[in-house]
Amino acid sequence: KIWRLAGVDQMHVNGIKNKFWESDDAVVRSIKSCH
């Protein structure tokens, strides 16, 4: 929300079974947050 207020159009969210530490559940929540 902070960056949407600034006007960003595209936001990184990682991905399912991604190479970083973030869980799949967190990624799904981030995708839904963008929508």
PDB file of all heavy atoms in Angstrom:
ATOM      1  N   LYS A   1       0.818  -1.208   0.000  1.00  0.00           N
ATOM      2  CA  LYS A   1       0.000   0.000   0.000  1.00  0.00           C
ATOM      3  C   LYS A   1       0.859   1.269   0.000  1.00  0.00           C
ATOM      4  O   LYS A   1       0.500   2.263  -0.641  1.00  0.00           O
ATOM      5  CB  LYS A   1      -0.939  -0.007   1.210  1.00  0.00           C
ATOM      6  CG  LYS A   1      -2.074  -1.009   1.075  1.00  0.00           C
ATOM      7  CD  LYS A   1      -2.940  -1.045   2.319  1.00  0.00           C
ATOM      8  CE  LYS A   1      -4.090  -2.027   2.140  1.00  0.00           C
ATOM      9  NZ  LYS A   1      -4.922  -2.144   3.365  1.00  0.00           N
ATOM     10  N   ILE A   2       1.967   1.239   0.703  1.00  0.00           N
ATOM     11  CA  ILE A   2       2.860   2.403   0.723  1.00  0.00           C
ATOM     12  C   ILE A   2       3.319   2.739  -0.698  1.00  0.00           C
ATOM     13  O   ILE A   2       3.307   3.902  -1.118  1.00  0.00           O
ATOM     14  CB  ILE A   2       4.068   2.131   1.641  1.00  0.00           C
ATOM     15  CG1 ILE A   2       3.628   2.154   3.110  1.00  0.00           C
ATOM     16  CG2 ILE A   2       5.185   3.136   1.392  1.00  0.00           C
ATOM     17  CD1 ILE A   2       4.680   1.655   4.081  1.00  0.00           C
ATOM     18  N   TRP A   3       3.683   1.720  -1.470  1.00  0.00           N
ATOM     19  CA  TRP A   3       4.200   1.972  -2.820  1.00  0.00           C
ATOM     20  C   TRP A   3       3.076   2.215  -3.820  1.00  0.00           C
ATOM     21  O   TRP A   3       3.277   2.929  -4.817  1.00  0.00           O
ATOM     22  CB  TRP A   3       5.108   0.821  -3.254  1.00  0.00           C
ATOM     23  CG  TRP A   3       6.303   0.744  -2.355  1.00  0.00           C
ATOM     24  CD1 TRP A   3       6.590  -0.225  -1.436  1.00  0.00           C
ATOM     25  CD2 TRP A   3       7.342   1.720  -2.229  1.00  0.00           C
ATOM     26  NE1 TRP A   3       7.738   0.083  -0.758  1.00  0.00           N
ATOM     27  CE2 TRP A   3       8.231   1.278  -1.225  1.00  0.00           C
ATOM     28  CE3 TRP A   3       7.613   2.935  -2.861  1.00  0.00           C
ATOM     29  CZ2 TRP A   3       9.358   1.992  -0.846  1.00  0.00           C
ATOM     30  CZ3 TRP A   3       8.740   3.651  -2.494  1.00  0.00           C
ATOM     31  CH2 TRP A   3       9.594   3.179  -1.499  1.00  0.00           C
ATOM     32  N   ARG A   4       1.897   1.698  -3.565  1.00  0.00           N
ATOM     33  CA  ARG A   4       0.755   2.036  -4.424  1.00  0.00           C
ATOM     34  C   ARG A   4       0.383   3.498  -4.256  1.00  0.00           C
ATOM     35  O   ARG A   4      -0.044   4.166  -5.207  1.00  0.00           O
ATOM     36  CB  ARG A   4      -0.423   1.118  -4.117  1.00  0.00           C
ATOM     37  CG  ARG A   4      -0.209  -0.282  -4.661  1.00  0.00           C
ATOM     38  CD  ARG A   4      -1.241  -1.273  -4.182  1.00  0.00           C
ATOM     39  NE  ARG A   4      -2.508  -1.137  -4.869  1.00  0.00           N
ATOM     40  CZ  ARG A   4      -3.469  -2.060  -4.827  1.00  0.00           C
ATOM     41  NH1 ARG A   4      -3.282  -3.189  -4.127  1.00  0.00           N
ATOM     42  NH2 ARG A   4      -4.603  -1.888  -5.452  1.00  0.00           N
ATOM     43  N   LEU A   5       0.525   4.024  -3.038  1.00  0.00           N
ATOM     44  CA  LEU A   5       0.290   5.452  -2.822  1.00  0.00           C
ATOM     45  C   LEU A   5       1.260   6.298  -3.640  1.00  0.00           C
ATOM     46  O   LEU A   5       0.920   7.374  -4.125  1.00  0.00           O
ATOM     47  CB  LEU A   5       0.428   5.794  -1.339  1.00  0.00           C
ATOM     48  CG  LEU A   5      -0.740   5.411  -0.435  1.00  0.00           C
ATOM     49  CD1 LEU A   5      -0.340   5.535   1.033  1.00  0.00           C
ATOM     50  CD2 LEU A   5      -1.956   6.287  -0.724  1.00  0.00           C
ATOM     51  N   ALA A   6       2.492   5.797  -3.800  1.00  0.00           N
ATOM     52  CA  ALA A   6       3.478   6.519  -4.603  1.00  0.00           C
ATOM     53  C   ALA A   6       3.164   6.432  -6.088  1.00  0.00           C
ATOM     54  O   ALA A   6       3.540   7.319  -6.857  1.00  0.00           O
ATOM     55  CB  ALA A   6       4.876   5.973  -4.336  1.00  0.00           C
ATOM     56  N   GLY A   7       2.497   5.350  -6.520  1.00  0.00           N
ATOM     57  CA  GLY A   7       2.121   5.209  -7.918  1.00  0.00           C
ATOM     58  C   GLY A   7       2.790   4.088  -8.672  1.00  0.00           C
ATOM     59  O   GLY A   7       2.726   4.021  -9.900  1.00  0.00           O
ATOM     60  N   VAL A   8       3.443   3.149  -7.966  1.00  0.00           N
ATOM     61  CA  VAL A   8       4.104   2.020  -8.630  1.00  0.00           C
ATOM     62  C   VAL A   8       3.060   1.137  -9.305  1.00  0.00           C
ATOM     63  O   VAL A   8       1.991   0.858  -8.749  1.00  0.00           O
ATOM     64  CB  VAL A   8       4.936   1.221  -7.608  1.00  0.00           C
ATOM     65  CG1 VAL A   8       5.402  -0.109  -8.181  1.00  0.00           C
ATOM     66  CG2 VAL A   8       6.129   2.053  -7.147  1.00  0.00           C
ATOM     67  N   ASP A   9       3.363   0.668 -10.520  1.00  0.00           N
ATOM     68  CA  ASP A   9       2.437  -0.148 -11.311  1.00  0.00           C
ATOM     69  C   ASP A   9       2.689  -1.646 -11.184  1.00  0.00           C
ATOM     70  O   ASP A   9       1.777  -2.452 -11.381  1.00  0.00           O
ATOM     71  CB  ASP A   9       2.560   0.216 -12.791  1.00  0.00           C
ATOM     72  CG  ASP A   9       2.247   1.673 -13.064  1.00  0.00           C
ATOM     73  OD1 ASP A   9       1.064   2.044 -13.025  1.00  0.00           O
ATOM     74  OD2 ASP A   9       3.206   2.448 -13.300  1.00  0.00           O
ATOM     75  N   GLN A  10       3.943  -2.026 -10.918  1.00  0.00           N
ATOM     76  CA  GLN A  10       4.337  -3.438 -10.895  1.00  0.00           C
ATOM     77  C   GLN A  10       5.118  -3.695  -9.610  1.00  0.00           C
ATOM     78  O   GLN A  10       6.048  -2.953  -9.307  1.00  0.00           O
ATOM     79  CB  GLN A  10       5.227  -3.761 -12.095  1.00  0.00           C
ATOM     80  CG  GLN A  10       4.686  -3.282 -13.442  1.00  0.00           C
ATOM     81  CD  GLN A  10       5.713  -3.416 -14.556  1.00  0.00           C
ATOM     82  OE1 GLN A  10       6.547  -4.329 -14.563  1.00  0.00           O
ATOM     83  NE2 GLN A  10       5.671  -2.508 -15.526  1.00  0.00           N
ATOM     84  N   MET A  11       4.764  -4.779  -8.888  1.00  0.00           N
ATOM     85  CA  MET A  11       5.409  -5.045  -7.599  1.00  0.00           C
ATOM     86  C   MET A  11       5.917  -6.476  -7.519  1.00  0.00           C
ATOM     87  O   MET A  11       5.166  -7.431  -7.770  1.00  0.00           O
ATOM     88  CB  MET A  11       4.420  -4.819  -6.456  1.00  0.00           C
ATOM     89  CG  MET A  11       4.222  -3.352  -6.101  1.00  0.00           C
ATOM     90  SD  MET A  11       5.665  -2.601  -5.334  1.00  0.00           S
ATOM     91  CE  MET A  11       5.723  -3.482  -3.789  1.00  0.00           C
ATOM     92  N   HIS A  12       7.171  -6.648  -7.146  1.00  0.00           N
ATOM     93  CA  HIS A  12       7.748  -7.980  -6.970  1.00  0.00           C
ATOM     94  C   HIS A  12       7.116  -8.684  -5.773  1.00  0.00           C
ATOM     95  O   HIS A  12       6.877  -8.076  -4.726  1.00  0.00           O
ATOM     96  CB  HIS A  12       9.257  -7.880  -6.757  1.00  0.00           C
ATOM     97  CG  HIS A  12      10.025  -7.754  -8.027  1.00  0.00           C
ATOM     98  ND1 HIS A  12      10.990  -8.658  -8.414  1.00  0.00           N
ATOM     99  CD2 HIS A  12       9.959  -6.839  -9.029  1.00  0.00           C
ATOM    100  CE1 HIS A  12      11.491  -8.296  -9.589  1.00  0.00           C
ATOM    101  NE2 HIS A  12      10.881  -7.198  -9.976  1.00  0.00           N
ATOM    102  N   VAL A  13       6.849  -9.985  -5.941  1.00  0.00           N
ATOM    103  CA  VAL A  13       6.228 -10.776  -4.865  1.00  0.00           C
ATOM    104  C   VAL A  13       6.924 -12.123  -4.634  1.00  0.00           C
ATOM    105  O   VAL A  13       6.426 -12.954  -3.879  1.00  0.00           O
ATOM    106  CB  VAL A  13       4.728 -11.028  -5.155  1.00  0.00           C
ATOM    107  CG1 VAL A  13       3.946  -9.726  -5.187  1.00  0.00           C
ATOM    108  CG2 VAL A  13       4.534 -11.812  -6.467  1.00  0.00           C
ATOM    109  N   ASN A  14       8.077 -12.374  -5.263  1.00  0.00           N
ATOM    110  CA  ASN A  14       8.688 -13.713  -5.292  1.00  0.00           C
ATOM    111  C   ASN A  14       7.764 -14.680  -6.022  1.00  0.00           C
ATOM    112  O   ASN A  14       6.904 -14.253  -6.778  1.00  0.00           O
ATOM    113  CB  ASN A  14       9.055 -14.201  -3.888  1.00  0.00           C
ATOM    114  CG  ASN A  14      10.380 -13.634  -3.422  1.00  0.00           C
ATOM    115  OD1 ASN A  14      11.258 -13.336  -4.226  1.00  0.00           O
ATOM    116  ND2 ASN A  14      10.527 -13.471  -2.123  1.00  0.00           N
ATOM    117  N   GLY A  15       7.909 -15.974  -5.816  1.00  0.00           N
ATOM    118  CA  GLY A  15       7.101 -16.931  -6.552  1.00  0.00           C
ATOM    119  C   GLY A  15       6.970 -18.233  -5.795  1.00  0.00           C
ATOM    120  O   GLY A  15       7.637 -18.470  -4.785  1.00  0.00           O
ATOM    121  N   ILE A  16       6.079 -19.101  -6.283  1.00  0.00           N
ATOM    122  CA  ILE A  16       5.894 -20.426  -5.692  1.00  0.00           C
ATOM    123  C   ILE A  16       7.200 -21.213  -5.799  1.00  0.00           C
ATOM    124  O   ILE A  16       7.859 -21.210  -6.836  1.00  0.00           O
ATOM    125  CB  ILE A  16       4.759 -21.181  -6.413  1.00  0.00           C
ATOM    126  CG1 ILE A  16       3.421 -20.431  -6.237  1.00  0.00           C
ATOM    127  CG2 ILE A  16       4.659 -22.623  -5.925  1.00  0.00           C
ATOM    128  CD1 ILE A  16       2.920 -20.366  -4.819  1.00  0.00           C
ATOM    129  N   LYS A  17       7.566 -21.877  -4.710  1.00  0.00           N
ATOM    130  CA  LYS A  17       8.814 -22.656  -4.667  1.00  0.00           C
ATOM    131  C   LYS A  17       9.983 -21.808  -5.186  1.00  0.00           C
ATOM    132  O   LYS A  17      10.781 -22.264  -6.003  1.00  0.00           O
ATOM    133  CB  LYS A  17       8.677 -23.960  -5.453  1.00  0.00           C
ATOM    134  CG  LYS A  17       7.667 -24.936  -4.857  1.00  0.00           C
ATOM    135  CD  LYS A  17       7.576 -26.217  -5.666  1.00  0.00           C
ATOM    136  CE  LYS A  17       6.691 -27.246  -5.001  1.00  0.00           C
ATOM    137  NZ  LYS A  17       5.299 -26.798  -4.781  1.00  0.00           N
ATOM    138  N   ASN A  18      10.088 -20.586  -4.670  1.00  0.00           N
ATOM    139  CA  ASN A  18      11.111 -19.682  -5.169  1.00  0.00           C
ATOM    140  C   ASN A  18      12.463 -19.970  -4.523  1.00  0.00           C
ATOM    141  O   ASN A  18      12.569 -20.769  -3.597  1.00  0.00           O
ATOM    142  CB  ASN A  18      10.685 -18.224  -4.961  1.00  0.00           C
ATOM    143  CG  ASN A  18      10.639 -17.829  -3.497  1.00  0.00           C
ATOM    144  OD1 ASN A  18      11.641 -17.443  -2.909  1.00  0.00           O
ATOM    145  ND2 ASN A  18       9.458 -17.921  -2.887  1.00  0.00           N
ATOM    146  N   LYS A  19      13.481 -19.289  -5.002  1.00  0.00           N
ATOM    147  CA  LYS A  19      14.854 -19.575  -4.556  1.00  0.00           C
ATOM    148  C   LYS A  19      15.179 -18.915  -3.224  1.00  0.00           C
ATOM    149  O   LYS A  19      16.236 -19.173  -2.640  1.00  0.00           O
ATOM    150  CB  LYS A  19      15.859 -19.124  -5.618  1.00  0.00           C
ATOM    151  CG  LYS A  19      15.976 -17.608  -5.787  1.00  0.00           C
ATOM    152  CD  LYS A  19      17.007 -17.257  -6.855  1.00  0.00           C
ATOM    153  CE  LYS A  19      17.170 -15.756  -7.011  1.00  0.00           C
ATOM    154  NZ  LYS A  19      18.134 -15.391  -8.057  1.00  0.00           N
ATOM    155  N   PHE A  20      14.286 -18.044  -2.735  1.00  0.00           N
ATOM    156  CA  PHE A  20      14.530 -17.354  -1.492  1.00  0.00           C
ATOM    157  C   PHE A  20      13.805 -18.047  -0.337  1.00  0.00           C
ATOM    158  O   PHE A  20      13.232 -19.116  -0.504  1.00  0.00           O
ATOM    159  CB  PHE A  20      14.121 -15.884  -1.615  1.00  0.00           C
ATOM    160  CG  PHE A  20      14.945 -15.119  -2.621  1.00  0.00           C
ATOM    161  CD1 PHE A  20      14.344 -14.322  -3.587  1.00  0.00           C
ATOM    162  CD2 PHE A  20      16.328 -15.198  -2.606  1.00  0.00           C
ATOM    163  CE1 PHE A  20      15.101 -13.617  -4.508  1.00  0.00           C
ATOM    164  CE2 PHE A  20      17.100 -14.496  -3.521  1.00  0.00           C
ATOM    165  CZ  PHE A  20      16.479 -13.708  -4.478  1.00  0.00           C
ATOM    166  N   TRP A  21      13.784 -17.414   0.823  1.00  0.00           N
ATOM    167  CA  TRP A  21      13.267 -18.037   2.039  1.00  0.00           C
ATOM    168  C   TRP A  21      11.747 -17.965   2.143  1.00  0.00           C
ATOM    169  O   TRP A  21      11.141 -18.720   2.894  1.00  0.00           O
ATOM    170  CB  TRP A  21      13.861 -17.325   3.266  1.00  0.00           C
ATOM    171  CG  TRP A  21      13.419 -15.891   3.311  1.00  0.00           C
ATOM    172  CD1 TRP A  21      13.991 -14.835   2.670  1.00  0.00           C
ATOM    173  CD2 TRP A  21      12.255 -15.388   3.961  1.00  0.00           C
ATOM    174  NE1 TRP A  21      13.273 -13.685   2.892  1.00  0.00           N
ATOM    175  CE2 TRP A  21      12.201 -13.999   3.685  1.00  0.00           C
ATOM    176  CE3 TRP A  21      11.271 -15.961   4.760  1.00  0.00           C
ATOM    177  CZ2 TRP A  21      11.188 -13.182   4.168  1.00  0.00           C
ATOM    178  CZ3 TRP A  21      10.267 -15.143   5.245  1.00  0.00           C
ATOM    179  CH2 TRP A  21      10.230 -13.769   4.955  1.00  0.00           C
ATOM    180  N   GLU A  22      11.113 -17.069   1.397  1.00  0.00           N
ATOM    181  CA  GLU A  22       9.699 -16.768   1.626  1.00  0.00           C
ATOM    182  C   GLU A  22       8.803 -17.962   1.306  1.00  0.00           C
ATOM    183  O   GLU A  22       8.984 -18.650   0.305  1.00  0.00           O
ATOM    184  CB  GLU A  22       9.297 -15.560   0.781  1.00  0.00           C
ATOM    185  CG  GLU A  22       8.138 -14.784   1.336  1.00  0.00           C
ATOM    186  CD  GLU A  22       8.050 -13.378   0.762  1.00  0.00           C
ATOM    187  OE1 GLU A  22       8.789 -13.063  -0.191  1.00  0.00           O
ATOM    188  OE2 GLU A  22       7.250 -12.597   1.280  1.00  0.00           O
ATOM    189  N   SER A  23       7.801 -18.191   2.128  1.00  0.00           N
ATOM    190  CA  SER A  23       6.922 -19.353   1.975  1.00  0.00           C
ATOM    191  C   SER A  23       5.941 -19.146   0.830  1.00  0.00           C
ATOM    192  O   SER A  23       5.630 -18.015   0.442  1.00  0.00           O
ATOM    193  CB  SER A  23       6.140 -19.603   3.265  1.00  0.00           C
ATOM    194  OG  SER A  23       5.152 -18.596   3.460  1.00  0.00           O
ATOM    195  N   ASP A  24       5.409 -20.258   0.321  1.00  0.00           N
ATOM    196  CA  ASP A  24       4.394 -20.181  -0.727  1.00  0.00           C
ATOM    197  C   ASP A  24       3.153 -19.441  -0.233  1.00  0.00           C
ATOM    198  O   ASP A  24       2.537 -18.671  -0.986  1.00  0.00           O
ATOM    199  CB  ASP A  24       4.010 -21.585  -1.194  1.00  0.00           C
ATOM    200  CG  ASP A  24       5.122 -22.260  -1.995  1.00  0.00           C
ATOM    201  OD1 ASP A  24       6.113 -21.586  -2.335  1.00  0.00           O
ATOM    202  OD2 ASP A  24       4.988 -23.468  -2.269  1.00  0.00           O
ATOM    203  N   ASP A  25       2.766 -19.659   1.018  1.00  0.00           N
ATOM    204  CA  ASP A  25       1.593 -18.969   1.564  1.00  0.00           C
ATOM    205  C   ASP A  25       1.798 -17.460   1.555  1.00  0.00           C
ATOM    206  O   ASP A  25       0.875 -16.695   1.237  1.00  0.00           O
ATOM    207  CB  ASP A  25       1.303 -19.440   2.990  1.00  0.00           C
ATOM    208  CG  ASP A  25       0.719 -20.845   3.037  1.00  0.00           C
ATOM    209  OD1 ASP A  25       0.254 -21.334   1.991  1.00  0.00           O
ATOM    210  OD2 ASP A  25       0.718 -21.444   4.119  1.00  0.00           O
ATOM    211  N   ALA A  26       3.001 -17.009   1.916  1.00  0.00           N
ATOM    212  CA  ALA A  26       3.289 -15.577   1.913  1.00  0.00           C
ATOM    213  C   ALA A  26       3.235 -15.019   0.498  1.00  0.00           C
ATOM    214  O   ALA A  26       2.730 -13.904   0.274  1.00  0.00           O
ATOM    215  CB  ALA A  26       4.657 -15.309   2.533  1.00  0.00           C
ATOM    216  N   VAL A  27       3.729 -15.771  -0.478  1.00  0.00           N
ATOM    217  CA  VAL A  27       3.704 -15.327  -1.867  1.00  0.00           C
ATOM    218  C   VAL A  27       2.271 -15.199  -2.361  1.00  0.00           C
ATOM    219  O   VAL A  27       1.899 -14.202  -3.005  1.00  0.00           O
ATOM    220  CB  VAL A  27       4.500 -16.299  -2.761  1.00  0.00           C
ATOM    221  CG1 VAL A  27       4.301 -15.961  -4.239  1.00  0.00           C
ATOM    222  CG2 VAL A  27       5.980 -16.252  -2.410  1.00  0.00           C
ATOM    223  N   VAL A  28       1.433 -16.180  -2.042  1.00  0.00           N
ATOM    224  CA  VAL A  28       0.029 -16.130  -2.454  1.00  0.00           C
ATOM    225  C   VAL A  28      -0.670 -14.929  -1.823  1.00  0.00           C
ATOM    226  O   VAL A  28      -1.442 -14.214  -2.481  1.00  0.00           O
ATOM    227  CB  VAL A  28      -0.696 -17.438  -2.081  1.00  0.00           C
ATOM    228  CG1 VAL A  28      -2.203 -17.313  -2.279  1.00  0.00           C
ATOM    229  CG2 VAL A  28      -0.153 -18.591  -2.926  1.00  0.00           C
ATOM    230  N   ARG A  29      -0.377 -14.674  -0.550  1.00  0.00           N
ATOM    231  CA  ARG A  29      -0.966 -13.496   0.110  1.00  0.00           C
ATOM    232  C   ARG A  29      -0.525 -12.212  -0.577  1.00  0.00           C
ATOM    233  O   ARG A  29      -1.314 -11.281  -0.754  1.00  0.00           O
ATOM    234  CB  ARG A  29      -0.575 -13.459   1.586  1.00  0.00           C
ATOM    235  CG  ARG A  29      -1.312 -12.381   2.373  1.00  0.00           C
ATOM    236  CD  ARG A  29      -0.835 -12.245   3.799  1.00  0.00           C
ATOM    237  NE  ARG A  29      -1.682 -11.329   4.539  1.00  0.00           N
ATOM    238  CZ  ARG A  29      -1.307 -10.631   5.594  1.00  0.00           C
ATOM    239  NH1 ARG A  29      -0.061 -10.747   6.062  1.00  0.00           N
ATOM    240  NH2 ARG A  29      -2.137  -9.801   6.201  1.00  0.00           N
ATOM    241  N   SER A  30       0.734 -12.148  -0.994  1.00  0.00           N
ATOM    242  CA  SER A  30       1.245 -10.959  -1.667  1.00  0.00           C
ATOM    243  C   SER A  30       0.566 -10.760  -3.022  1.00  0.00           C
ATOM    244  O   SER A  30       0.213  -9.625  -3.390  1.00  0.00           O
ATOM    245  CB  SER A  30       2.761 -11.066  -1.849  1.00  0.00           C
ATOM    246  OG  SER A  30       3.421 -11.111  -0.596  1.00  0.00           O
ATOM    247  N   ILE A  31       0.388 -11.829  -3.775  1.00  0.00           N
ATOM    248  CA  ILE A  31      -0.304 -11.735  -5.067  1.00  0.00           C
ATOM    249  C   ILE A  31      -1.715 -11.200  -4.873  1.00  0.00           C
ATOM    250  O   ILE A  31      -2.164 -10.281  -5.573  1.00  0.00           O
ATOM    251  CB  ILE A  31      -0.320 -13.100  -5.775  1.00  0.00           C
ATOM    252  CG1 ILE A  31       1.096 -13.495  -6.207  1.00  0.00           C
ATOM    253  CG2 ILE A  31      -1.263 -13.081  -6.984  1.00  0.00           C
ATOM    254  CD1 ILE A  31       1.221 -14.917  -6.725  1.00  0.00           C
ATOM    255  N   LYS A  32      -2.431 -11.754  -3.893  1.00  0.00           N
ATOM    256  CA  LYS A  32      -3.804 -11.307  -3.636  1.00  0.00           C
ATOM    257  C   LYS A  32      -3.832  -9.864  -3.148  1.00  0.00           C
ATOM    258  O   LYS A  32      -4.773  -9.110  -3.457  1.00  0.00           O
ATOM    259  CB  LYS A  32      -4.461 -12.244  -2.628  1.00  0.00           C
ATOM    260  CG  LYS A  32      -4.720 -13.639  -3.204  1.00  0.00           C
ATOM    261  CD  LYS A  32      -5.370 -14.574  -2.199  1.00  0.00           C
ATOM    262  CE  LYS A  32      -5.652 -15.931  -2.838  1.00  0.00           C
ATOM    263  NZ  LYS A  32      -6.256 -16.896  -1.872  1.00  0.00           N
ATOM    264  N   SER A  33      -2.807  -9.445  -2.417  1.00  0.00           N
ATOM    265  CA  SER A  33      -2.719  -8.061  -1.963  1.00  0.00           C
ATOM    266  C   SER A  33      -2.605  -7.106  -3.143  1.00  0.00           C
ATOM    267  O   SER A  33      -3.210  -6.024  -3.149  1.00  0.00           O
ATOM    268  CB  SER A  33      -1.523  -7.893  -1.020  1.00  0.00           C
ATOM    269  OG  SER A  33      -1.365  -6.555  -0.630  1.00  0.00           O
ATOM    270  N   CYS A  34      -1.832  -7.494  -4.149  1.00  0.00           N
ATOM    271  CA  CYS A  34      -1.691  -6.659  -5.338  1.00  0.00           C
ATOM    272  C   CYS A  34      -3.022  -6.501  -6.078  1.00  0.00           C
ATOM    273  O   CYS A  34      -3.282  -5.470  -6.702  1.00  0.00           O
ATOM    274  CB  CYS A  34      -0.651  -7.237  -6.291  1.00  0.00           C
ATOM    275  SG  CYS A  34       1.060  -7.077  -5.728  1.00  0.00           S
ATOM    276  N   HIS A  35      -3.850  -7.532  -6.026  1.00  0.00           N
ATOM    277  CA  HIS A  35      -5.129  -7.520  -6.737  1.00  0.00           C
ATOM    278  C   HIS A  35      -6.244  -6.840  -5.954  1.00  0.00           C
ATOM    279  O   HIS A  35      -7.293  -6.524  -6.519  1.00  0.00           O
ATOM    280  CB  HIS A  35      -5.557  -8.952  -7.066  1.00  0.00           C
ATOM    281  CG  HIS A  35      -4.708  -9.598  -8.107  1.00  0.00           C
ATOM    282  ND1 HIS A  35      -4.612 -10.968  -8.255  1.00  0.00           N
ATOM    283  CD2 HIS A  35      -3.896  -9.076  -9.065  1.00  0.00           C
ATOM    284  CE1 HIS A  35      -3.791 -11.249  -9.249  1.00  0.00           C
ATOM    285  NE2 HIS A  35      -3.336 -10.122  -9.751  1.00  0.00           N
TER     286      HIS A  35
END
